[in-house]
PDB file of N, CA and C in Angstrom:
ATOM      1  N   MET A   1      71.747  76.760  97.784  1.00  0.00           N
ATOM      2  CA  MET A   1      72.221  77.797  98.320  1.00  0.00           C
ATOM      3  C   MET A   1      73.806  76.996  98.295  1.00  0.00           C
ATOM      4  N   ALA A   2      74.474  79.125  97.448  1.00  0.00           N
ATOM      5  CA  ALA A   2      76.424  78.589  98.060  1.00  0.00           C
ATOM      6  C   ALA A   2      76.991  78.613  99.605  1.00  0.00           C
ATOM      7  N   LYS A   3      77.869  78.216 100.583  1.00  0.00           N
ATOM      8  CA  LYS A   3      78.260  77.945 101.512  1.00  0.00           C
ATOM      9  C   LYS A   3      78.346  79.736 101.677  1.00  0.00           C
ATOM     10  N   LYS A   4      77.752  79.898 102.858  1.00  0.00           N
ATOM     11  CA  LYS A   4      77.885  81.598 103.320  1.00  0.00           C
ATOM     12  C   LYS A   4      79.821  82.272 103.606  1.00  0.00           C
ATOM     13  N   ALA A   5      80.304  81.990 103.513  1.00  0.00           N
ATOM     14  CA  ALA A   5      81.663  81.974 103.432  1.00  0.00           C
ATOM     15  C   ALA A   5      82.179  81.936 102.590  1.00  0.00           C
ATOM     16  N   MET A   6      81.737  81.526 100.999  1.00  0.00           N
ATOM     17  CA  MET A   6      81.985  81.792  99.624  1.00  0.00           C
ATOM     18  C   MET A   6      81.802  82.289  99.343  1.00  0.00           C
ATOM     19  N   ILE A   7      79.871  83.312  99.594  1.00  0.00           N
ATOM     20  CA  ILE A   7      79.551  83.663  99.139  1.00  0.00           C
ATOM     21  C   ILE A   7      80.063  86.161  99.858  1.00  0.00           C
ATOM     22  N   GLU A   8      80.777  84.892 100.847  1.00  0.00           N
ATOM     23  CA  GLU A   8      81.146  86.289 101.710  1.00  0.00           C
ATOM     24  C   GLU A   8      82.756  87.073 100.877  1.00  0.00           C
ATOM     25  N   ARG A   9      83.417  85.786 101.366  1.00  0.00           N
ATOM     26  CA  ARG A   9      84.887  85.708 100.448  1.00  0.00           C
ATOM     27  C   ARG A   9      84.257  86.299  99.091  1.00  0.00           C
ATOM     28  N   GLU A  10      83.604  85.692  98.027  1.00  0.00           N
ATOM     29  CA  GLU A  10      82.878  87.597  97.289  1.00  0.00           C
ATOM     30  C   GLU A  10      83.140  88.672  97.821  1.00  0.00           C
ATOM     31  N   LYS A  11      82.173  88.717  98.483  1.00  0.00           N
ATOM     32  CA  LYS A  11      81.956  90.143  98.040  1.00  0.00           C
ATOM     33  C   LYS A  11      83.221  91.171  98.967  1.00  0.00           C
ATOM     34  N   LYS A  12      83.748  90.547 100.030  1.00  0.00           N
ATOM     35  CA  LYS A  12      85.314  90.727  99.906  1.00  0.00           C
ATOM     36  C   LYS A  12      86.447  91.683  98.966  1.00  0.00           C
ATOM     37  N   ARG A  13      86.683  90.237  98.240  1.00  0.00           N
ATOM     38  CA  ARG A  13      87.178  90.557  96.830  1.00  0.00           C
ATOM     39  C   ARG A  13      86.796  92.271  95.566  1.00  0.00           C
ATOM     40  N   GLU A  14      84.882  92.206  95.746  1.00  0.00           N
ATOM     41  CA  GLU A  14      84.766  93.460  95.642  1.00  0.00           C
ATOM     42  C   GLU A  14      85.203  93.921  96.276  1.00  0.00           C
ATOM     43  N   ARG A  15      85.775  94.075  97.452  1.00  0.00           N
ATOM     44  CA  ARG A  15      85.457  95.260  97.678  1.00  0.00           C
ATOM     45  C   ARG A  15      86.667  96.358  98.158  1.00  0.00           C
ATOM     46  N   LEU A  16      87.744  94.786  97.874  1.00  0.00           N
ATOM     47  CA  LEU A  16      89.249  95.000  97.388  1.00  0.00           C
ATOM     48  C   LEU A  16      89.076  94.997  95.872  1.00  0.00           C
ATOM     49  N   VAL A  17      88.486  94.799  95.078  1.00  0.00           N
ATOM     50  CA  VAL A  17      89.098  95.499  93.731  1.00  0.00           C
ATOM     51  C   VAL A  17      88.663  96.642  92.976  1.00  0.00           C
ATOM     52  N   GLU A  18      87.468  97.592  94.354  1.00  0.00           N
ATOM     53  CA  GLU A  18      86.907  98.885  94.093  1.00  0.00           C
ATOM     54  C   GLU A  18      87.922  99.397  94.879  1.00  0.00           C
ATOM     55  N   LYS A  19      88.205  99.532  95.743  1.00  0.00           N
ATOM     56  CA  LYS A  19      89.538  99.652  96.589  1.00  0.00           C
ATOM     57  C   LYS A  19      90.840 100.615  96.537  1.00  0.00           C
ATOM     58  N   TYR A  20      91.739  99.384  95.156  1.00  0.00           N
ATOM     59  CA  TYR A  20      92.720  99.245  94.756  1.00  0.00           C
ATOM     60  C   TYR A  20      92.526  99.821  92.985  1.00  0.00           C
ATOM     61  N   ALA A  21      91.838  99.876  92.579  1.00  0.00           N
ATOM     62  CA  ALA A  21      92.040  99.805  90.923  1.00  0.00           C
ATOM     63  C   ALA A  21      91.890 101.112  90.023  1.00  0.00           C
ATOM     64  N   ALA A  22      91.056 102.108  90.960  1.00  0.00           N
ATOM     65  CA  ALA A  22      92.811 103.630  91.194  1.00  0.00           C
ATOM     66  C   ALA A  22      93.814 103.542  89.976  1.00  0.00           C
ATOM     67  N   LYS A  23      94.748 102.919  91.756  1.00  0.00           N
ATOM     68  CA  LYS A  23      96.337 103.000  92.016  1.00  0.00           C
ATOM     69  C   LYS A  23      96.386 100.965  90.642  1.00  0.00           C
ATOM     70  N   ARG A  24      95.461 100.261  91.099  1.00  0.00           N
ATOM     71  CA  ARG A  24      96.538  99.215  89.425  1.00  0.00           C
ATOM     72  C   ARG A  24      96.341  99.702  88.465  1.00  0.00           C
ATOM     73  N   ALA A  25      95.434 100.966  87.865  1.00  0.00           N
ATOM     74  CA  ALA A  25      95.314 101.003  86.547  1.00  0.00           C
ATOM     75  C   ALA A  25      96.407 102.716  86.568  1.00  0.00           C
ATOM     76  N   GLU A  26      96.532 103.353  86.990  1.00  0.00           N
ATOM     77  CA  GLU A  26      97.919 103.941  87.487  1.00  0.00           C
ATOM     78  C   GLU A  26      99.213 103.396  86.910  1.00  0.00           C
ATOM     79  N   LEU A  27      99.346 102.303  88.298  1.00  0.00           N
ATOM     80  CA  LEU A  27      99.948 101.144  87.847  1.00  0.00           C
ATOM     81  C   LEU A  27     100.555 100.683  86.450  1.00  0.00           C
ATOM     82  N   LYS A  28      99.511 100.336  86.151  1.00  0.00           N
ATOM     83  CA  LYS A  28      98.741  98.910  84.865  1.00  0.00           C
ATOM     84  C   LYS A  28      99.389  99.989  83.341  1.00  0.00           C
ATOM     85  N   ALA A  29      99.846 101.705  83.670  1.00  0.00           N
ATOM     86  CA  ALA A  29      99.992 102.840  82.937  1.00  0.00           C
ATOM     87  C   ALA A  29     101.253 102.712  82.712  1.00  0.00           C
ATOM     88  N   ILE A  30     101.290 103.003  84.124  1.00  0.00           N
ATOM     89  CA  ILE A  30     103.038 102.869  84.073  1.00  0.00           C
ATOM     90  C   ILE A  30     104.670 102.112  82.641  1.00  0.00           C
ATOM     91  N   VAL A  31     103.968 100.817  83.527  1.00  0.00           N
ATOM     92  CA  VAL A  31     103.824  99.395  83.062  1.00  0.00           C
ATOM     93  C   VAL A  31     104.339  99.554  81.475  1.00  0.00           C
ATOM     94  N   ASN A  32     102.574  99.787  81.287  1.00  0.00           N
ATOM     95  CA  ASN A  32     102.375  99.734  79.824  1.00  0.00           C
ATOM     96  C   ASN A  32     103.208 100.804  78.653  1.00  0.00           C
ATOM     97  N   ASP A  33     103.949 102.144  79.759  1.00  0.00           N
ATOM     98  CA  ASP A  33     103.888 103.815  78.343  1.00  0.00           C
ATOM     99  C   ASP A  33     105.138 102.525  78.362  1.00  0.00           C
ATOM    100  N   GLU A  34     105.564 102.574  77.250  1.00  0.00           N
ATOM    101  CA  GLU A  34     106.978 102.304  76.304  1.00  0.00           C
ATOM    102  C   GLU A  34     108.168 102.855  75.951  1.00  0.00           C
ATOM    103  N   THR A  35     107.286 104.539  76.297  1.00  0.00           N
ATOM    104  CA  THR A  35     108.288 105.872  75.968  1.00  0.00           C
ATOM    105  C   THR A  35     109.034 106.019  77.591  1.00  0.00           C
ATOM    106  N   LYS A  36     108.505 105.836  78.853  1.00  0.00           N
ATOM    107  CA  LYS A  36     109.339 105.559  80.594  1.00  0.00           C
ATOM    108  C   LYS A  36     110.213 104.897  79.848  1.00  0.00           C
ATOM    109  N   PRO A  37     111.070 104.957  80.849  1.00  0.00           N
ATOM    110  CA  PRO A  37     112.513 104.474  81.483  1.00  0.00           C
ATOM    111  C   PRO A  37     112.140 102.654  82.012  1.00  0.00           C
ATOM    112  N   MET A  38     113.040 101.715  81.870  1.00  0.00           N
ATOM    113  CA  MET A  38     113.151 100.893  81.939  1.00  0.00           C
ATOM    114  C   MET A  38     112.802 100.792  83.335  1.00  0.00           C
ATOM    115  N   GLU A  39     113.726 100.773  84.206  1.00  0.00           N
ATOM    116  CA  GLU A  39     113.550 101.090  85.668  1.00  0.00           C
ATOM    117  C   GLU A  39     113.010 101.573  86.087  1.00  0.00           C
ATOM    118  N   GLU A  40     111.630 102.526  86.136  1.00  0.00           N
ATOM    119  CA  GLU A  40     110.454 102.974  85.988  1.00  0.00           C
ATOM    120  C   GLU A  40     109.713 101.720  86.022  1.00  0.00           C
ATOM    121  N   ARG A  41     109.717 101.657  84.705  1.00  0.00           N
ATOM    122  CA  ARG A  41     108.563 100.836  85.263  1.00  0.00           C
ATOM    123  C   ARG A  41     108.698  99.674  85.594  1.00  0.00           C
ATOM    124  N   PHE A  42     109.922  98.952  85.714  1.00  0.00           N
ATOM    125  CA  PHE A  42     109.569  97.803  85.944  1.00  0.00           C
ATOM    126  C   PHE A  42     109.436  98.079  88.113  1.00  0.00           C
ATOM    127  N   ARG A  43     109.969  99.260  88.767  1.00  0.00           N
ATOM    128  CA  ARG A  43     109.253  99.513  89.839  1.00  0.00           C
ATOM    129  C   ARG A  43     108.025  99.638  89.929  1.00  0.00           C
ATOM    130  N   ALA A  44     107.434  99.998  89.052  1.00  0.00           N
ATOM    131  CA  ALA A  44     106.092 100.238  89.056  1.00  0.00           C
ATOM    132  C   ALA A  44     105.712  98.314  88.395  1.00  0.00           C
ATOM    133  N   SER A  45     106.462  97.846  88.617  1.00  0.00           N
ATOM    134  CA  SER A  45     105.577  96.355  88.379  1.00  0.00           C
ATOM    135  C   SER A  45     106.192  95.287  89.503  1.00  0.00           C
ATOM    136  N   LEU A  46     106.933  95.611  90.923  1.00  0.00           N
ATOM    137  CA  LEU A  46     106.945  95.174  91.480  1.00  0.00           C
ATOM    138  C   LEU A  46     105.873  95.794  93.032  1.00  0.00           C
ATOM    139  N   LYS A  47     105.632  96.715  92.816  1.00  0.00           N
ATOM    140  CA  LYS A  47     104.531  97.751  93.310  1.00  0.00           C
ATOM    141  C   LYS A  47     103.387  97.159  93.064  1.00  0.00           C
ATOM    142  N   LEU A  48     103.267  96.939  91.641  1.00  0.00           N
ATOM    143  CA  LEU A  48     101.352  96.324  91.450  1.00  0.00           C
ATOM    144  C   LEU A  48     101.494  94.321  91.912  1.00  0.00           C
ATOM    145  N   ALA A  49     103.241  94.818  91.584  1.00  0.00           N
ATOM    146  CA  ALA A  49     102.772  93.066  92.743  1.00  0.00           C
ATOM    147  C   ALA A  49     102.222  92.074  93.406  1.00  0.00           C
ATOM    148  N   LYS A  50     102.925  94.044  94.535  1.00  0.00           N
ATOM    149  CA  LYS A  50     103.002  93.476  95.913  1.00  0.00           C
ATOM    150  C   LYS A  50     100.929  93.731  96.601  1.00  0.00           C
ATOM    151  N   LEU A  51     100.467  94.459  95.951  1.00  0.00           N
ATOM    152  CA  LEU A  51      99.202  94.803  95.802  1.00  0.00           C
ATOM    153  C   LEU A  51      98.560  93.122  96.332  1.00  0.00           C
ATOM    154  N   PRO A  52      97.812  93.325  96.794  1.00  0.00           N
ATOM    155  CA  PRO A  52      96.665  92.170  97.316  1.00  0.00           C
ATOM    156  C   PRO A  52      96.153  91.338  96.404  1.00  0.00           C
ATOM    157  N   ARG A  53      96.332  90.156  95.776  1.00  0.00           N
ATOM    158  CA  ARG A  53      95.919  89.768  94.553  1.00  0.00           C
ATOM    159  C   ARG A  53      94.721  89.404  94.561  1.00  0.00           C
ATOM    160  N   ASN A  54      93.593  89.469  95.019  1.00  0.00           N
ATOM    161  CA  ASN A  54      92.352  90.196  95.321  1.00  0.00           C
ATOM    162  C   ASN A  54      91.792  90.321  95.007  1.00  0.00           C
ATOM    163  N   SER A  55      92.677  92.065  94.848  1.00  0.00           N
ATOM    164  CA  SER A  55      92.460  93.189  93.858  1.00  0.00           C
ATOM    165  C   SER A  55      92.517  93.559  93.011  1.00  0.00           C
ATOM    166  N   SER A  56      91.866  92.392  92.191  1.00  0.00           N
ATOM    167  CA  SER A  56      92.384  92.094  90.743  1.00  0.00           C
ATOM    168  C   SER A  56      90.667  91.569  90.082  1.00  0.00           C
ATOM    169  N   ALA A  57      91.247  92.244  88.945  1.00  0.00           N
ATOM    170  CA  ALA A  57      88.864  92.022  88.810  1.00  0.00           C
ATOM    171  C   ALA A  57      88.836  90.642  88.221  1.00  0.00           C
ATOM    172  N   VAL A  58      90.158  90.054  87.631  1.00  0.00           N
ATOM    173  CA  VAL A  58      89.885  88.724  86.994  1.00  0.00           C
ATOM    174  C   VAL A  58      89.945  87.823  87.722  1.00  0.00           C
ATOM    175  N   ARG A  59      89.846  88.141  89.218  1.00  0.00           N
ATOM    176  CA  ARG A  59      89.763  87.094  90.163  1.00  0.00           C
ATOM    177  C   ARG A  59      88.582  86.909  90.769  1.00  0.00           C
ATOM    178  N   LEU A  60      87.567  88.132  90.585  1.00  0.00           N
ATOM    179  CA  LEU A  60      85.570  87.896  90.476  1.00  0.00           C
ATOM    180  C   LEU A  60      85.772  87.222  89.915  1.00  0.00           C
ATOM    181  N   HIS A  61      85.031  86.100  90.208  1.00  0.00           N
ATOM    182  CA  HIS A  61      83.334  85.093  89.856  1.00  0.00           C
ATOM    183  C   HIS A  61      81.920  85.591  90.010  1.00  0.00           C
ATOM    184  N   ASN A  62      81.221  85.504  89.324  1.00  0.00           N
ATOM    185  CA  ASN A  62      80.103  85.992  88.791  1.00  0.00           C
ATOM    186  C   ASN A  62      78.860  84.526  89.490  1.00  0.00           C
ATOM    187  N   ARG A  63      78.782  85.246  90.613  1.00  0.00           N
ATOM    188  CA  ARG A  63      77.676  84.113  91.141  1.00  0.00           C
ATOM    189  C   ARG A  63      75.869  85.117  91.393  1.00  0.00           C
ATOM    190  N   CYS A  64      75.232  83.964  91.093  1.00  0.00           N
ATOM    191  CA  CYS A  64      73.420  84.017  91.225  1.00  0.00           C
ATOM    192  C   CYS A  64      73.293  84.912  92.952  1.00  0.00           C
ATOM    193  N   GLN A  65      72.866  85.911  92.676  1.00  0.00           N
ATOM    194  CA  GLN A  65      72.171  86.970  93.814  1.00  0.00           C
ATOM    195  C   GLN A  65      70.893  86.281  94.343  1.00  0.00           C
ATOM    196  N   LEU A  66      69.718  85.364  93.928  1.00  0.00           N
ATOM    197  CA  LEU A  66      69.743  85.021  94.758  1.00  0.00           C
ATOM    198  C   LEU A  66      69.884  83.792  95.465  1.00  0.00           C
ATOM    199  N   THR A  67      70.746  83.172  95.174  1.00  0.00           N
ATOM    200  CA  THR A  67      71.623  81.839  95.580  1.00  0.00           C
ATOM    201  C   THR A  67      72.698  81.933  96.621  1.00  0.00           C
ATOM    202  N   GLY A  68      73.076  83.034  95.016  1.00  0.00           N
ATOM    203  CA  GLY A  68      74.884  81.909  95.129  1.00  0.00           C
ATOM    204  C   GLY A  68      75.762  80.695  94.897  1.00  0.00           C
ATOM    205  N   ARG A  69      74.598  80.960  93.809  1.00  0.00           N
ATOM    206  CA  ARG A  69      75.313  79.421  93.128  1.00  0.00           C
ATOM    207  C   ARG A  69      76.791  80.077  91.542  1.00  0.00           C
ATOM    208  N   PRO A  70      78.256  79.557  91.659  1.00  0.00           N
ATOM    209  CA  PRO A  70      78.555  80.369  90.522  1.00  0.00           C
ATOM    210  C   PRO A  70      78.759  79.275  89.501  1.00  0.00           C
ATOM    211  N   HIS A  71      77.666  78.318  89.571  1.00  0.00           N
ATOM    212  CA  HIS A  71      78.151  78.089  87.770  1.00  0.00           C
ATOM    213  C   HIS A  71      76.742  78.045  87.606  1.00  0.00           C
ATOM    214  N   ALA A  72      76.203  77.898  85.600  1.00  0.00           N
ATOM    215  CA  ALA A  72      74.597  78.282  85.659  1.00  0.00           C
ATOM    216  C   ALA A  72      75.167  79.682  85.457  1.00  0.00           C
ATOM    217  N   TYR A  73      75.286  80.360  85.351  1.00  0.00           N
ATOM    218  CA  TYR A  73      74.522  82.056  85.218  1.00  0.00           C
ATOM    219  C   TYR A  73      74.399  82.677  83.850  1.00  0.00           C
ATOM    220  N   TYR A  74      73.400  83.308  84.235  1.00  0.00           N
ATOM    221  CA  TYR A  74      72.998  84.168  83.370  1.00  0.00           C
ATOM    222  C   TYR A  74      73.653  85.175  82.912  1.00  0.00           C
ATOM    223  N   ARG A  75      73.797  85.735  82.594  1.00  0.00           N
ATOM    224  CA  ARG A  75      75.133  87.329  82.931  1.00  0.00           C
ATOM    225  C   ARG A  75      74.069  89.492  82.522  1.00  0.00           C
ATOM    226  N   LYS A  76      72.539  88.567  82.522  1.00  0.00           N
ATOM    227  CA  LYS A  76      71.649  89.399  81.170  1.00  0.00           C
ATOM    228  C   LYS A  76      71.005  89.269  82.939  1.00  0.00           C
ATOM    229  N   LEU A  77      70.441  88.480  83.627  1.00  0.00           N
ATOM    230  CA  LEU A  77      69.478  88.525  84.718  1.00  0.00           C
ATOM    231  C   LEU A  77      70.170  88.568  85.356  1.00  0.00           C
ATOM    232  N   LYS A  78      71.870  88.062  85.645  1.00  0.00           N
ATOM    233  CA  LYS A  78      72.240  87.469  87.894  1.00  0.00           C
ATOM    234  C   LYS A  78      71.721  87.454  87.893  1.00  0.00           C
ATOM    235  N   ILE A  79      71.298  86.223  87.823  1.00  0.00           N
ATOM    236  CA  ILE A  79      71.034  84.518  88.262  1.00  0.00           C
ATOM    237  C   ILE A  79      71.066  83.502  87.724  1.00  0.00           C
ATOM    238  N   SER A  80      71.275  82.100  88.393  1.00  0.00           N
ATOM    239  CA  SER A  80      71.131  81.159  87.928  1.00  0.00           C
ATOM    240  C   SER A  80      70.721  80.543  87.202  1.00  0.00           C
ATOM    241  N   ARG A  81      70.894  79.006  86.151  1.00  0.00           N
ATOM    242  CA  ARG A  81      69.238  78.434  85.528  1.00  0.00           C
ATOM    243  C   ARG A  81      68.001  77.814  86.196  1.00  0.00           C
ATOM    244  N   ILE A  82      68.775  77.464  88.013  1.00  0.00           N
ATOM    245  CA  ILE A  82      67.584  77.221  89.195  1.00  0.00           C
ATOM    246  C   ILE A  82      67.155  77.820  89.680  1.00  0.00           C
ATOM    247  N   ALA A  83      68.010  79.057  89.423  1.00  0.00           N
ATOM    248  CA  ALA A  83      67.034  80.733  90.204  1.00  0.00           C
ATOM    249  C   ALA A  83      65.963  81.191  88.914  1.00  0.00           C
ATOM    250  N   LEU A  84      66.531  81.557  87.644  1.00  0.00           N
ATOM    251  CA  LEU A  84      65.876  81.534  87.066  1.00  0.00           C
ATOM    252  C   LEU A  84      64.076  79.800  86.868  1.00  0.00           C
ATOM    253  N   ARG A  85      64.103  78.984  86.652  1.00  0.00           N
ATOM    254  CA  ARG A  85      63.413  77.987  86.636  1.00  0.00           C
ATOM    255  C   ARG A  85      62.460  79.022  87.642  1.00  0.00           C
ATOM    256  N   ASP A  86      62.641  78.360  88.916  1.00  0.00           N
ATOM    257  CA  ASP A  86      62.151  78.619  90.266  1.00  0.00           C
ATOM    258  C   ASP A  86      60.867  79.240  89.844  1.00  0.00           C
ATOM    259  N   LEU A  87      61.371  80.963  89.167  1.00  0.00           N
ATOM    260  CA  LEU A  87      61.544  82.367  89.396  1.00  0.00           C
ATOM    261  C   LEU A  87      59.979  82.271  87.486  1.00  0.00           C
ATOM    262  N   GLY A  88      60.555  81.506  87.032  1.00  0.00           N
ATOM    263  CA  GLY A  88      59.637  81.372  85.689  1.00  0.00           C
ATOM    264  C   GLY A  88      58.610  80.616  86.471  1.00  0.00           C
ATOM    265  N   SER A  89      58.886  79.106  87.376  1.00  0.00           N
ATOM    266  CA  SER A  89      57.323  78.399  88.131  1.00  0.00           C
ATOM    267  C   SER A  89      56.442  78.970  88.401  1.00  0.00           C
ATOM    268  N   SER A  90      56.810  80.725  89.175  1.00  0.00           N
ATOM    269  CA  SER A  90      56.025  80.969  89.786  1.00  0.00           C
ATOM    270  C   SER A  90      55.427  82.863  89.167  1.00  0.00           C
ATOM    271  N   GLY A  91      55.825  81.953  87.877  1.00  0.00           N
ATOM    272  CA  GLY A  91      54.865  83.974  87.528  1.00  0.00           C
ATOM    273  C   GLY A  91      56.114  84.789  87.477  1.00  0.00           C
ATOM    274  N   GLN A  92      57.477  85.052  88.293  1.00  0.00           N
ATOM    275  CA  GLN A  92      57.120  86.225  88.218  1.00  0.00           C
ATOM    276  C   GLN A  92      58.723  86.906  87.196  1.00  0.00           C
ATOM    277  N   ILE A  93      59.141  86.513  86.506  1.00  0.00           N
ATOM    278  CA  ILE A  93      59.362  87.141  85.080  1.00  0.00           C
ATOM    279  C   ILE A  93      58.375  87.518  84.389  1.00  0.00           C
ATOM    280  N   PRO A  94      57.982  89.369  83.802  1.00  0.00           N
ATOM    281  CA  PRO A  94      57.761  89.216  82.864  1.00  0.00           C
ATOM    282  C   PRO A  94      57.878  88.998  81.298  1.00  0.00           C
ATOM    283  N   GLY A  95      56.380  88.235  80.226  1.00  0.00           N
ATOM    284  CA  GLY A  95      57.372  87.359  79.339  1.00  0.00           C
ATOM    285  C   GLY A  95      58.054  86.425  78.824  1.00  0.00           C
ATOM    286  N   LEU A  96      57.816  85.800  80.705  1.00  0.00           N
ATOM    287  CA  LEU A  96      59.094  84.521  80.790  1.00  0.00           C
ATOM    288  C   LEU A  96      57.931  82.843  80.884  1.00  0.00           C
ATOM    289  N   VAL A  97      57.924  82.186  79.538  1.00  0.00           N
ATOM    290  CA  VAL A  97      56.505  81.528  78.658  1.00  0.00           C
ATOM    291  C   VAL A  97      57.070  79.765  79.061  1.00  0.00           C
ATOM    292  N   LYS A  98      57.581  79.457  80.324  1.00  0.00           N
ATOM    293  CA  LYS A  98      57.772  77.960  80.581  1.00  0.00           C
ATOM    294  C   LYS A  98      57.368  76.621  80.457  1.00  0.00           C
ATOM    295  N   SER A  99      57.151  75.983  78.925  1.00  0.00           N
ATOM    296  CA  SER A  99      56.674  75.077  79.380  1.00  0.00           C
ATOM    297  C   SER A  99      56.585  74.004  80.068  1.00  0.00           C
ATOM    298  N   SER A 100      55.938  73.387  80.050  1.00  0.00           N
ATOM    299  CA  SER A 100      56.033  71.717  80.921  1.00  0.00           C
ATOM    300  C   SER A 100      54.979  70.693  80.102  1.00  0.00           C
ATOM    301  N   TRP A 101      55.905  69.606  79.688  1.00  0.00           N
ATOM    302  CA  TRP A 101      54.807  68.613  78.597  1.00  0.00           C
ATOM    303  C   TRP A 101      54.014  67.730  79.465  1.00  0.00           C
TER     304      TRP A 101
END
């Protein structure tokens, strides 16, 4: 099980990304638009830099929904390999056959 603080920090990042997504996309569009004057693009980049760092989607990290584990994460299932093994052993994942030698 991951630390509660780390899980909560990740949830906070998700909320910030959702909150600032529209504003960040709008500013990025101005910065990347080469038809706009250089001064306006520079002002937009400064505004973009003033937004909270955790509001960037790049800062999000995938975590297991059951345990919060950050490593060995299967995107398709949204769980870690350890949680997958536990669920597979108990027969809770349809179609998964776990062999033990």
